Amino acid sequence: MPSTSEIVGCNGAPVSKRNLFAPGSIASQYAIAVAVVAIATVGGFIFNPIIGPHSTAFIFLLFVVALALFLGRGPTLLAATLSAISWDYFFLPPVFAFRITHLEDAILLAMYFVVSVVLGQLTTRIRRQEAIERRREERATALFLLTQDLTESKNIDAMIENAASHIEKTFDAKAAVLLPDRTQRLKRYPYPAGAFTIDDRDRQVAAHVFAHGKPAGNFTLNMPVTAAMFVPLATSNETLGVIGLKFSDSCGPSDNEKELLEDFNQQIAMSLARLRLREVSEKSKLLSESERLSKTLLNSVSHEIRTPIAAIKSAVTNLADIKEAPLSASQKEMIGEIQEATERLDRVVGNVLEITRLEAGRVKPKINLCDVRDLIQVVLKDVKNELSARKLTLALAPDLPLVQLDFVLTQQALHNLLSNVGFHTPAGTSVNVGARVDGPWLLLTVADSGPGIPPESIARIFDKFYRGPSALAGGIGLGLSVTEGLILAQNGNIQVENRPEGGALFSIRLPLTRSVAAHKP
């Protein structure tokens, strides 16, 4: 929040403390003090023959005490001084002369003056304390009413309307509230709730306030080039907007009004932040529900598709095995295409089911001692068709130990990875599969000599449903995402990079949770 010291009064001079509502002028109070002393003097002439000069002094004392209830300290002291002089000159013998002949008269005059001053000071202090309490009550009431309306606001539009209404009513000023757009730049036009219409110069000042978080404009030390004052609408973390005020009073806000304005800004900023958090929470809840429904739908559809796919695979296999009537070359080719398409569809459905299981946390690794060589041989047998047109080489360390891992999950991850390589690399290229111990990790590598991965895609290659700009048709971008999920489920990690000689290198690291002596095949 901005410091109130940055807001000044007329001609740059600090405004003296005053109430929210304009009081009477000091000059008029002094005039009232002189007039009341004159009235007391006239009353003294009336009652002095009856009660005597010493009792007349109490008439003056009564008027001084009464004045202290309504006037300030200066006028009260003036009234006490004039009363003492009038009593001495007009009523204390010898009259019409400033001369005291008796000691008791001098003591009475001194005591009268002291009593008048003390009573005046006490009543003035009491009245000042009363004024402070009244201002505090007015301030608390204004803040309560503002906070109540802000809390009851259901959206930002209603909140801004309530805030502008309270500002204009409390400070006798026209208000304008400007908030940023989606690009975090201050909007050109304020909310229609306020009565203050801004121009281009006002917009420049408001933009300066939003950028620097300090008051500017009229009655401030920054850019006093407009008739309005602009203050930031800020929390402790960020500036949420700008409030513009065009005061009816030519001297601007008083000290009390500056403090109240700062409190108003703080309450409005907190309410605005609260409503924004509520909107974000509602959007997040909606997205969460949408994602949950999507996962449920995908899971249900995938399970329903699995049955007809299995039936198609079985029928095509049986059709290919018919011996009674030999099949023509074109028929065999069509059957092969059906089998390939069915396998691809089955793999896609399997990936969808696997990604939903991973995201739901239903994949629980079953860690056992496994032979890495056996694992790789099983995977290579599964992907024999996908890699049939590629040159496959193995780089397995001779001292590979038995490693604790989930055989099925790791097999599926390597299967997806090698299938992806076979799908995205041209025929005739080479594929290298490696395995070795790298510190506390088992390192499994798959390197190809294909076109590699576009640099802009490396950071997103494992994202769900992500497909590179040059990806071939036929996939939905789940294979690598499932692969990463299967490795992460075993507390491992997977990385990809482009090889200097061309192609991509995938590196899988699985922790050597517990290994035994090197396995001798």
Protein backbone atom coordinates (compact mmCIF):
# COMPACT_ATOMS: atom_id res chain seq x y z
CA MET A 1 0.00 0.00 0.00
CA PRO A 2 1.21 3.54 -0.71
CA SER A 3 2.31 5.77 2.12
CA THR A 4 -0.12 8.55 2.99
CA SER A 5 2.85 10.95 3.11
CA GLU A 6 2.88 10.83 -0.69
CA ILE A 7 -0.52 12.61 -0.76
CA VAL A 8 -0.44 16.35 -0.04
CA GLY A 9 -2.91 19.21 0.26
CA CYS A 10 -3.38 22.56 -1.45
CA ASN A 11 -0.30 23.87 -3.29
CA GLY A 12 1.73 20.91 -2.08
CA ALA A 13 1.39 21.79 1.62
CA PRO A 14 0.40 19.02 4.00
CA VAL A 15 -3.22 19.16 5.05
CA SER A 16 -3.81 19.72 8.79
CA LYS A 17 -5.90 17.18 10.66
CA ARG A 18 -9.64 17.65 10.42
CA ASN A 19 -12.84 15.71 10.53
CA LEU A 20 -14.39 14.00 7.54
CA PHE A 21 -16.91 16.85 7.52
CA ALA A 22 -15.81 20.52 7.29
CA PRO A 23 -15.73 22.31 10.69
CA GLY A 24 -16.16 26.03 11.43
CA SER A 25 -13.23 28.37 10.74
CA ILE A 26 -10.75 29.37 13.47
CA ALA A 27 -11.35 33.09 12.88
CA SER A 28 -15.04 32.70 13.64
CA GLN A 29 -14.20 30.96 16.93
CA TYR A 30 -12.06 33.88 18.07
CA ALA A 31 -14.87 36.26 17.13
CA ILE A 32 -17.31 34.20 19.16
CA ALA A 33 -14.94 34.29 22.17
CA VAL A 34 -14.71 38.11 22.04
CA ALA A 35 -18.49 38.43 21.65
CA VAL A 36 -19.21 36.13 24.61
CA VAL A 37 -16.79 38.08 26.85
CA ALA A 38 -18.59 41.28 25.82
CA ILE A 39 -21.93 39.71 26.74
CA ALA A 40 -20.51 38.61 30.09
CA THR A 41 -19.30 42.17 30.71
CA VAL A 42 -22.78 43.56 30.01
CA GLY A 43 -24.26 40.97 32.38
CA GLY A 44 -21.69 42.02 34.99
CA PHE A 45 -22.89 45.63 34.82
CA ILE A 46 -26.44 44.39 35.44
CA PHE A 47 -25.68 42.09 38.39
CA ASN A 48 -22.67 43.83 39.96
CA PRO A 49 -24.78 46.28 42.06
CA ILE A 50 -26.69 43.32 43.46
CA ILE A 51 -24.00 40.65 44.01
CA GLY A 52 -20.80 42.69 44.25
CA PRO A 53 -17.53 42.57 42.26
CA HIS A 54 -16.22 39.31 43.72
CA SER A 55 -19.33 37.35 42.77
CA THR A 56 -19.29 38.96 39.31
CA ALA A 57 -16.01 37.14 38.65
CA PHE A 58 -17.91 33.84 38.73
CA ILE A 59 -20.14 35.07 35.88
CA PHE A 60 -17.04 35.45 33.70
CA LEU A 61 -15.77 32.07 34.88
CA LEU A 62 -19.08 30.46 33.94
CA PHE A 63 -18.91 31.88 30.41
CA VAL A 64 -15.26 30.73 29.95
CA VAL A 65 -16.12 27.17 30.99
CA ALA A 66 -19.12 27.17 28.63
CA LEU A 67 -16.95 28.42 25.76
CA ALA A 68 -14.45 25.61 26.35
CA LEU A 69 -17.19 23.11 25.49
CA PHE A 70 -17.57 24.47 21.96
CA LEU A 71 -14.38 26.32 20.98
CA GLY A 72 -10.74 25.39 20.57
CA ARG A 73 -7.87 25.93 22.97
CA GLY A 74 -6.76 29.29 21.52
CA PRO A 75 -10.19 30.97 21.63
CA THR A 76 -10.72 29.60 25.17
CA LEU A 77 -7.43 31.09 26.40
CA LEU A 78 -8.31 34.42 24.74
CA ALA A 79 -11.71 34.40 26.48
CA ALA A 80 -10.05 33.70 29.87
CA THR A 81 -7.56 36.56 29.39
CA LEU A 82 -10.20 39.06 28.26
CA SER A 83 -12.48 38.02 31.13
CA ALA A 84 -9.74 38.67 33.72
CA ILE A 85 -8.94 42.05 32.18
CA SER A 86 -12.64 43.07 31.99
CA TRP A 87 -13.31 42.06 35.57
CA ASP A 88 -10.28 44.00 36.84
CA TYR A 89 -10.97 47.10 34.75
CA PHE A 90 -14.75 47.39 35.00
CA PHE A 91 -15.71 45.82 38.32
CA LEU A 92 -12.79 45.52 40.75
CA PRO A 93 -12.25 48.74 42.78
CA PRO A 94 -10.82 51.09 41.71
CA VAL A 95 -12.92 50.70 38.55
CA PHE A 96 -11.70 51.85 35.12
CA ALA A 97 -8.13 51.29 36.21
CA PHE A 98 -5.73 48.36 36.07
CA ARG A 99 -4.82 48.54 39.73
CA ILE A 100 -5.29 46.10 42.59
CA THR A 101 -5.28 47.58 46.10
CA HIS A 102 -5.99 44.52 48.24
CA LEU A 103 -3.99 41.29 48.46
CA GLU A 104 -7.10 39.14 48.46
CA ASP A 105 -8.17 40.76 45.17
CA ALA A 106 -4.79 39.90 43.61
CA ILE A 107 -5.05 36.31 44.84
CA LEU A 108 -8.64 36.08 43.58
CA LEU A 109 -7.61 37.43 40.16
CA ALA A 110 -4.70 35.00 39.88
CA MET A 111 -6.78 32.05 41.06
CA TYR A 112 -9.58 33.04 38.70
CA PHE A 113 -7.19 33.11 35.75
CA VAL A 114 -5.61 29.77 36.68
CA VAL A 115 -9.00 28.13 37.18
CA SER A 116 -10.22 29.52 33.87
CA VAL A 117 -7.16 28.19 32.00
CA VAL A 118 -7.24 24.76 33.67
CA LEU A 119 -10.96 24.30 33.12
CA GLY A 120 -10.61 25.48 29.56
CA GLN A 121 -7.78 23.03 28.93
CA LEU A 122 -9.68 20.14 30.49
CA THR A 123 -12.88 20.78 28.59
CA THR A 124 -10.92 21.31 25.37
CA ARG A 125 -9.13 18.00 25.90
CA ILE A 126 -12.40 16.24 26.59
CA ARG A 127 -13.97 17.78 23.48
CA ARG A 128 -10.95 16.82 21.37
CA GLN A 129 -11.11 13.24 22.67
CA GLU A 130 -14.79 13.19 21.84
CA ALA A 131 -14.01 14.38 18.31
CA ILE A 132 -11.34 11.68 17.94
CA GLU A 133 -13.77 9.01 19.12
CA ARG A 134 -16.41 10.34 16.75
CA ARG A 135 -14.00 10.25 13.83
CA ARG A 136 -12.94 6.74 14.83
CA GLU A 137 -16.57 5.65 14.97
CA GLU A 138 -17.28 7.23 11.59
CA ARG A 139 -14.23 5.50 10.15
CA ALA A 140 -15.15 2.13 11.64
CA THR A 141 -18.73 2.49 10.40
CA ALA A 142 -17.59 3.38 6.89
CA LEU A 143 -15.20 0.41 6.82
CA PHE A 144 -17.87 -1.94 8.19
CA LEU A 145 -20.43 -0.91 5.57
CA LEU A 146 -17.84 -1.21 2.80
CA THR A 147 -16.63 -4.64 3.98
CA GLN A 148 -20.20 -5.88 4.35
CA ASP A 149 -21.12 -4.93 0.78
CA LEU A 150 -17.84 -6.27 -0.61
CA THR A 151 -18.34 -9.60 1.17
CA GLU A 152 -21.86 -9.95 -0.19
CA SER A 153 -20.68 -9.27 -3.77
CA LYS A 154 -21.06 -12.38 -5.93
CA ASN A 155 -18.76 -11.28 -8.76
CA ILE A 156 -16.18 -8.64 -9.64
CA ASP A 157 -18.68 -6.34 -11.37
CA ALA A 158 -20.90 -6.15 -8.29
CA MET A 159 -17.87 -5.66 -6.03
CA ILE A 160 -16.53 -2.76 -8.13
CA GLU A 161 -19.97 -1.14 -8.19
CA ASN A 162 -20.25 -1.33 -4.39
CA ALA A 163 -16.69 -0.05 -3.91
CA ALA A 164 -17.18 2.94 -6.22
CA SER A 165 -20.47 3.82 -4.52
CA HIS A 166 -18.92 3.82 -1.02
CA ILE A 167 -15.88 5.83 -2.16
CA GLU A 168 -18.00 8.54 -3.77
CA LYS A 169 -20.34 8.76 -0.76
CA THR A 170 -17.58 8.79 1.90
CA PHE A 171 -15.08 11.14 0.27
CA ASP A 172 -17.49 13.38 -1.66
CA ALA A 173 -15.60 12.58 -4.86
CA LYS A 174 -16.21 11.04 -8.26
CA ALA A 175 -14.52 7.66 -8.56
CA ALA A 176 -13.19 5.48 -11.37
CA VAL A 177 -11.85 1.92 -11.02
CA LEU A 178 -9.49 0.52 -13.67
CA LEU A 179 -8.40 -3.13 -13.75
CA PRO A 180 -5.89 -4.92 -16.00
CA ASP A 181 -6.82 -7.14 -18.95
CA ARG A 182 -5.56 -10.67 -19.65
CA THR A 183 -2.22 -9.30 -20.85
CA GLN A 184 -1.75 -7.50 -17.49
CA ARG A 185 -2.08 -4.09 -19.13
CA LEU A 186 -4.45 -1.54 -17.63
CA LYS A 187 -7.73 -1.35 -19.50
CA ARG A 188 -8.39 1.83 -21.44
CA TYR A 189 -11.79 2.50 -19.91
CA PRO A 190 -12.84 2.15 -16.24
CA TYR A 191 -15.79 0.17 -14.95
CA PRO A 192 -19.09 1.98 -15.61
CA ALA A 193 -19.94 1.90 -11.89
CA GLY A 194 -18.04 5.14 -11.09
CA ALA A 195 -19.15 8.66 -12.05
CA PHE A 196 -15.64 9.82 -13.03
CA THR A 197 -14.95 9.90 -16.78
CA ILE A 198 -11.21 9.84 -17.54
CA ASP A 199 -9.37 11.31 -20.52
CA ASP A 200 -6.07 10.43 -22.23
CA ARG A 201 -3.98 12.34 -19.67
CA ASP A 202 -5.73 10.53 -16.84
CA ARG A 203 -5.02 7.21 -18.56
CA GLN A 204 -1.30 8.02 -18.71
CA VAL A 205 -1.22 8.83 -15.00
CA ALA A 206 -3.24 5.70 -14.16
CA ALA A 207 -0.85 3.54 -16.21
CA HIS A 208 2.09 5.10 -14.31
CA VAL A 209 0.43 4.28 -10.98
CA PHE A 210 -0.27 0.70 -12.06
CA ALA A 211 3.33 0.21 -13.21
CA HIS A 212 5.05 1.77 -10.17
CA GLY A 213 2.53 1.13 -7.38
CA LYS A 214 2.59 4.73 -6.02
CA PRO A 215 -0.07 7.49 -5.95
CA ALA A 216 0.07 10.08 -8.71
CA GLY A 217 -1.95 12.98 -10.05
CA ASN A 218 -3.52 15.89 -8.20
CA PHE A 219 -2.68 16.31 -4.47
CA THR A 220 0.43 14.08 -4.86
CA LEU A 221 4.11 14.62 -5.55
CA ASN A 222 4.04 12.43 -8.70
CA MET A 223 2.73 13.75 -12.04
CA PRO A 224 0.34 16.40 -10.62
CA VAL A 225 -0.89 17.20 -14.14
CA THR A 226 -4.53 16.12 -13.81
CA ALA A 227 -7.48 17.26 -11.77
CA ALA A 228 -7.84 13.78 -10.27
CA MET A 229 -5.77 11.70 -7.88
CA PHE A 230 -4.94 8.07 -8.72
CA VAL A 231 -3.93 5.50 -6.10
CA PRO A 232 -2.89 1.86 -6.63
CA LEU A 233 -5.27 -0.92 -5.68
CA ALA A 234 -2.66 -3.27 -4.29
CA THR A 235 -2.06 -6.16 -1.93
CA SER A 236 1.27 -6.99 -0.35
CA ASN A 237 2.19 -9.09 -3.40
CA GLU A 238 0.88 -7.32 -6.49
CA THR A 239 -0.98 -4.33 -7.91
CA LEU A 240 -4.49 -5.38 -8.94
CA GLY A 241 -5.74 -2.09 -10.37
CA VAL A 242 -6.03 1.68 -9.94
CA ILE A 243 -8.64 3.90 -8.29
CA GLY A 244 -9.12 7.47 -9.54
CA LEU A 245 -10.77 10.16 -7.37
CA LYS A 246 -11.86 13.65 -8.38
CA PHE A 247 -12.55 15.52 -5.12
CA SER A 248 -15.17 18.23 -4.77
CA ASP A 249 -12.97 19.95 -2.15
CA SER A 250 -10.25 21.99 -3.84
CA CYS A 251 -7.86 21.20 -0.96
CA GLY A 252 -8.06 17.46 -1.45
CA PRO A 253 -8.16 14.79 1.25
CA SER A 254 -7.44 15.50 4.89
CA ASP A 255 -5.16 13.33 7.01
CA ASN A 256 -8.13 11.34 8.28
CA GLU A 257 -9.44 10.88 4.76
CA LYS A 258 -6.02 9.73 3.56
CA GLU A 259 -5.88 7.06 6.25
CA LEU A 260 -9.45 5.99 5.53
CA LEU A 261 -8.71 5.86 1.79
CA GLU A 262 -5.75 3.60 2.49
CA ASP A 263 -8.00 1.28 4.52
CA PHE A 264 -10.60 1.33 1.73
CA ASN A 265 -7.96 0.38 -0.83
CA GLN A 266 -6.74 -2.50 1.30
CA GLN A 267 -10.24 -3.91 1.80
CA ILE A 268 -11.13 -3.56 -1.90
CA ALA A 269 -7.84 -5.17 -2.97
CA MET A 270 -8.32 -8.13 -0.61
CA SER A 271 -11.91 -8.62 -1.81
CA LEU A 272 -10.78 -8.47 -5.43
CA ALA A 273 -8.04 -11.02 -4.77
CA ARG A 274 -10.55 -13.24 -2.96
CA LEU A 275 -12.99 -13.16 -5.89
CA ARG A 276 -10.21 -13.94 -8.35
CA LEU A 277 -9.09 -16.89 -6.25
CA ARG A 278 -12.69 -18.08 -6.13
CA GLU A 279 -12.96 -17.88 -9.93
CA VAL A 280 -9.69 -19.78 -10.34
CA SER A 281 -10.89 -22.40 -7.85
CA GLU A 282 -14.19 -22.82 -9.68
CA LYS A 283 -12.39 -23.16 -13.03
CA SER A 284 -9.97 -25.69 -11.55
CA LYS A 285 -12.89 -27.65 -10.10
CA LEU A 286 -14.64 -27.60 -13.46
CA LEU A 287 -11.49 -28.76 -15.25
CA SER A 288 -10.98 -31.49 -12.67
CA GLU A 289 -14.53 -32.74 -13.12
CA SER A 290 -14.16 -32.58 -16.90
CA GLU A 291 -10.90 -34.51 -16.77
CA ARG A 292 -12.40 -37.11 -14.44
CA LEU A 293 -15.36 -37.56 -16.79
CA SER A 294 -12.99 -37.81 -19.76
CA LYS A 295 -10.93 -40.49 -18.02
CA THR A 296 -14.06 -42.43 -17.09
CA LEU A 297 -15.37 -42.19 -20.65
CA LEU A 298 -12.04 -43.25 -22.15
CA ASN A 299 -11.77 -46.14 -19.73
CA SER A 300 -15.29 -47.34 -20.45
CA VAL A 301 -14.99 -46.97 -24.22
CA SER A 302 -11.59 -48.67 -24.26
CA HIS A 303 -12.92 -51.66 -22.35
CA GLU A 304 -15.90 -51.90 -24.71
CA ILE A 305 -13.62 -51.75 -27.77
CA ARG A 306 -11.33 -54.49 -26.47
CA THR A 307 -13.98 -57.20 -27.03
CA PRO A 308 -14.68 -56.51 -30.76
CA ILE A 309 -10.95 -56.08 -31.38
CA ALA A 310 -10.27 -59.50 -29.92
CA ALA A 311 -13.04 -60.95 -32.08
CA ILE A 312 -11.60 -59.35 -35.21
CA LYS A 313 -8.10 -60.63 -34.46
CA SER A 314 -9.40 -64.13 -33.90
CA ALA A 315 -11.50 -64.10 -37.07
CA VAL A 316 -8.67 -62.77 -39.23
CA THR A 317 -6.24 -65.35 -37.83
CA ASN A 318 -8.70 -68.14 -38.53
CA LEU A 319 -9.30 -66.77 -42.02
CA ALA A 320 -5.57 -66.77 -42.76
CA ASP A 321 -5.31 -70.39 -41.57
CA ILE A 322 -8.04 -71.77 -43.88
CA LYS A 323 -6.61 -74.64 -45.94
CA GLU A 324 -9.66 -75.83 -47.92
CA ALA A 325 -9.51 -73.06 -50.52
CA PRO A 326 -6.17 -71.45 -51.27
CA LEU A 327 -6.15 -67.63 -50.91
CA SER A 328 -5.03 -65.38 -53.71
CA ALA A 329 -2.15 -62.95 -53.28
CA SER A 330 -4.51 -59.97 -53.02
CA GLN A 331 -6.61 -61.73 -50.40
CA LYS A 332 -3.53 -62.55 -48.34
CA GLU A 333 -2.44 -58.91 -48.63
CA MET A 334 -5.82 -57.64 -47.42
CA ILE A 335 -5.77 -60.10 -44.53
CA GLY A 336 -2.29 -58.86 -43.59
CA GLU A 337 -3.48 -55.26 -43.68
CA ILE A 338 -6.44 -56.15 -41.46
CA GLN A 339 -4.14 -57.89 -38.98
CA GLU A 340 -1.73 -54.93 -38.92
CA ALA A 341 -4.55 -52.40 -38.44
CA THR A 342 -6.07 -54.55 -35.70
CA GLU A 343 -2.74 -54.78 -33.89
CA ARG A 344 -2.33 -51.01 -34.12
CA LEU A 345 -5.85 -50.40 -32.81
CA ASP A 346 -5.28 -52.90 -30.00
CA ARG A 347 -2.06 -51.09 -29.06
CA VAL A 348 -3.82 -47.70 -29.04
CA VAL A 349 -6.62 -49.02 -26.82
CA GLY A 350 -4.05 -50.64 -24.54
CA ASN A 351 -2.19 -47.34 -24.18
CA VAL A 352 -5.42 -45.52 -23.33
CA LEU A 353 -6.23 -48.05 -20.63
CA GLU A 354 -2.68 -47.95 -19.29
CA ILE A 355 -2.54 -44.15 -19.07
CA THR A 356 -5.83 -44.06 -17.15
CA ARG A 357 -4.49 -46.69 -14.74
CA LEU A 358 -1.26 -44.73 -14.26
CA GLU A 359 -3.05 -41.44 -13.60
CA ALA A 360 -5.46 -43.11 -11.21
CA GLY A 361 -2.53 -44.55 -9.24
CA ARG A 362 -3.68 -48.13 -9.75
CA VAL A 363 -0.32 -49.33 -11.13
CA LYS A 364 1.61 -50.98 -8.27
CA PRO A 365 5.03 -52.31 -9.27
CA LYS A 366 5.83 -55.91 -8.28
CA ILE A 367 9.57 -55.84 -7.68
CA ASN A 368 11.46 -59.09 -8.16
CA LEU A 369 14.96 -60.16 -9.14
CA CYS A 370 15.10 -60.18 -12.92
CA ASP A 371 17.65 -61.09 -15.57
CA VAL A 372 18.10 -58.05 -17.81
CA ARG A 373 19.24 -60.22 -20.75
CA ASP A 374 16.07 -62.31 -20.58
CA LEU A 375 14.00 -59.14 -20.36
CA ILE A 376 15.54 -57.68 -23.51
CA GLN A 377 15.22 -60.96 -25.45
CA VAL A 378 11.51 -61.18 -24.60
CA VAL A 379 10.96 -57.58 -25.73
CA LEU A 380 12.85 -58.08 -28.99
CA LYS A 381 10.76 -61.15 -29.76
CA ASP A 382 7.57 -59.12 -29.23
CA VAL A 383 8.65 -56.31 -31.59
CA LYS A 384 10.17 -58.59 -34.25
CA ASN A 385 7.65 -57.49 -36.86
CA GLU A 386 7.97 -53.74 -36.13
CA LEU A 387 11.79 -53.87 -36.44
CA SER A 388 11.98 -56.44 -39.24
CA ALA A 389 13.21 -53.89 -41.81
CA ARG A 390 15.86 -52.41 -39.53
CA LYS A 391 19.35 -53.45 -38.56
CA LEU A 392 19.28 -54.38 -34.87
CA THR A 393 22.41 -54.47 -32.70
CA LEU A 394 22.81 -55.24 -29.00
CA ALA A 395 25.29 -53.67 -26.60
CA LEU A 396 24.84 -55.58 -23.34
CA ALA A 397 27.53 -55.33 -20.66
CA PRO A 398 29.03 -58.76 -19.91
CA ASP A 399 28.77 -58.31 -16.13
CA LEU A 400 25.07 -57.38 -15.87
CA PRO A 401 23.75 -58.37 -12.42
CA LEU A 402 20.32 -59.60 -11.49
CA VAL A 403 18.31 -56.47 -10.81
CA GLN A 404 15.20 -55.84 -8.75
CA LEU A 405 12.48 -54.41 -11.02
CA ASP A 406 8.97 -55.08 -12.29
CA PHE A 407 9.49 -57.40 -15.26
CA VAL A 408 6.06 -56.75 -16.84
CA LEU A 409 6.13 -52.96 -16.52
CA THR A 410 9.69 -52.69 -17.82
CA GLN A 411 8.90 -55.09 -20.69
CA GLN A 412 5.89 -52.97 -21.68
CA ALA A 413 7.93 -49.75 -21.48
CA LEU A 414 10.68 -51.14 -23.74
CA HIS A 415 8.04 -52.57 -26.07
CA ASN A 416 6.38 -49.16 -26.47
CA LEU A 417 9.75 -47.49 -27.00
CA LEU A 418 10.94 -49.93 -29.69
CA SER A 419 7.55 -49.90 -31.41
CA ASN A 420 7.71 -46.13 -31.51
CA VAL A 421 11.21 -46.31 -33.04
CA GLY A 422 9.99 -48.79 -35.66
CA PHE A 423 7.04 -46.56 -36.51
CA HIS A 424 8.98 -43.28 -36.85
CA THR A 425 12.25 -44.37 -38.46
CA PRO A 426 12.64 -45.33 -42.13
CA ALA A 427 13.38 -48.90 -43.24
CA GLY A 428 17.04 -49.80 -43.53
CA THR A 429 18.18 -47.69 -40.59
CA SER A 430 19.89 -49.16 -37.55
CA VAL A 431 18.57 -49.61 -34.01
CA ASN A 432 20.85 -50.23 -31.04
CA VAL A 433 19.66 -51.60 -27.68
CA GLY A 434 22.06 -51.35 -24.76
CA ALA A 435 22.17 -52.25 -21.05
CA ARG A 436 24.82 -51.56 -18.43
CA VAL A 437 25.30 -50.48 -14.81
CA ASP A 438 25.76 -46.74 -14.36
CA GLY A 439 26.58 -46.02 -10.70
CA PRO A 440 23.46 -46.73 -8.62
CA TRP A 441 21.34 -47.18 -11.78
CA LEU A 442 20.59 -49.79 -14.39
CA LEU A 443 20.91 -47.92 -17.69
CA LEU A 444 18.83 -49.17 -20.65
CA THR A 445 19.36 -47.34 -23.95
CA VAL A 446 17.58 -47.37 -27.30
CA ALA A 447 19.35 -45.49 -30.09
CA ASP A 448 18.20 -45.11 -33.69
CA SER A 449 19.65 -43.50 -36.80
CA GLY A 450 16.42 -41.92 -38.01
CA PRO A 451 15.59 -38.23 -38.53
CA GLY A 452 15.79 -37.43 -34.81
CA ILE A 453 13.41 -35.27 -32.79
CA PRO A 454 12.73 -31.58 -33.60
CA PRO A 455 14.40 -29.40 -30.92
CA GLU A 456 11.09 -27.73 -30.06
CA SER A 457 9.52 -31.14 -29.35
CA ILE A 458 12.14 -32.59 -26.99
CA ALA A 459 10.72 -30.85 -23.90
CA ARG A 460 7.19 -32.13 -24.66
CA ILE A 461 7.92 -35.53 -26.19
CA PHE A 462 6.57 -37.39 -23.14
CA ASP A 463 3.44 -35.24 -22.75
CA LYS A 464 0.08 -36.93 -23.05
CA PHE A 465 -1.46 -36.72 -26.55
CA TYR A 466 1.51 -34.74 -27.87
CA ARG A 467 2.51 -35.43 -31.47
CA GLY A 468 5.39 -33.68 -33.18
CA PRO A 469 4.86 -31.42 -36.20
CA SER A 470 6.30 -34.05 -38.56
CA ALA A 471 4.72 -37.10 -36.90
CA LEU A 472 3.24 -39.74 -39.20
CA ALA A 473 -0.48 -40.43 -39.20
CA GLY A 474 -1.72 -43.36 -37.18
CA GLY A 475 -0.88 -42.49 -33.57
CA ILE A 476 -2.51 -40.44 -30.82
CA GLY A 477 0.59 -39.49 -28.83
CA LEU A 478 0.21 -41.83 -25.85
CA GLY A 479 2.98 -44.40 -26.31
CA LEU A 480 5.87 -42.37 -24.89
CA SER A 481 3.65 -40.91 -22.16
CA VAL A 482 2.75 -44.45 -21.04
CA THR A 483 6.42 -45.43 -21.21
CA GLU A 484 7.40 -42.58 -18.91
CA GLY A 485 4.60 -43.45 -16.48
CA LEU A 486 5.70 -47.09 -16.29
CA ILE A 487 9.29 -46.08 -15.54
CA LEU A 488 8.32 -43.40 -13.00
CA ALA A 489 6.15 -45.97 -11.20
CA GLN A 490 9.39 -47.86 -10.45
CA ASN A 491 11.14 -44.68 -9.17
CA GLY A 492 13.15 -44.49 -12.37
CA ASN A 493 13.42 -41.84 -15.07
CA ILE A 494 13.59 -41.62 -18.84
CA GLN A 495 15.30 -39.00 -21.01
CA VAL A 496 15.71 -38.37 -24.72
CA GLU A 497 18.27 -36.46 -26.77
CA ASN A 498 19.39 -36.17 -30.37
CA ARG A 499 22.60 -37.99 -31.30
CA PRO A 500 25.37 -35.94 -32.96
CA GLU A 501 25.62 -38.50 -35.78
CA GLY A 502 21.83 -38.40 -36.32
CA GLY A 503 18.85 -40.08 -34.75
CA ALA A 504 17.51 -40.12 -31.20
CA LEU A 505 18.79 -41.70 -27.98
CA PHE A 506 16.36 -42.77 -25.25
CA SER A 507 17.89 -43.50 -21.83
CA ILE A 508 16.00 -45.38 -19.11
CA ARG A 509 17.45 -45.41 -15.57
CA LEU A 510 16.10 -47.81 -12.97
CA PRO A 511 17.46 -47.87 -9.41
CA LEU A 512 19.58 -50.82 -8.38
CA THR A 513 17.51 -51.36 -5.25
CA ARG A 514 19.38 -54.55 -4.49
CA SER A 515 21.67 -56.53 -6.72
CA VAL A 516 23.50 -59.80 -6.28
CA ALA A 517 26.71 -61.11 -7.77
CA ALA A 518 27.00 -60.84 -11.52
CA HIS A 519 24.83 -63.38 -13.29
CA LYS A 520 26.72 -65.78 -15.51
CA PRO A 521 24.58 -66.80 -18.51
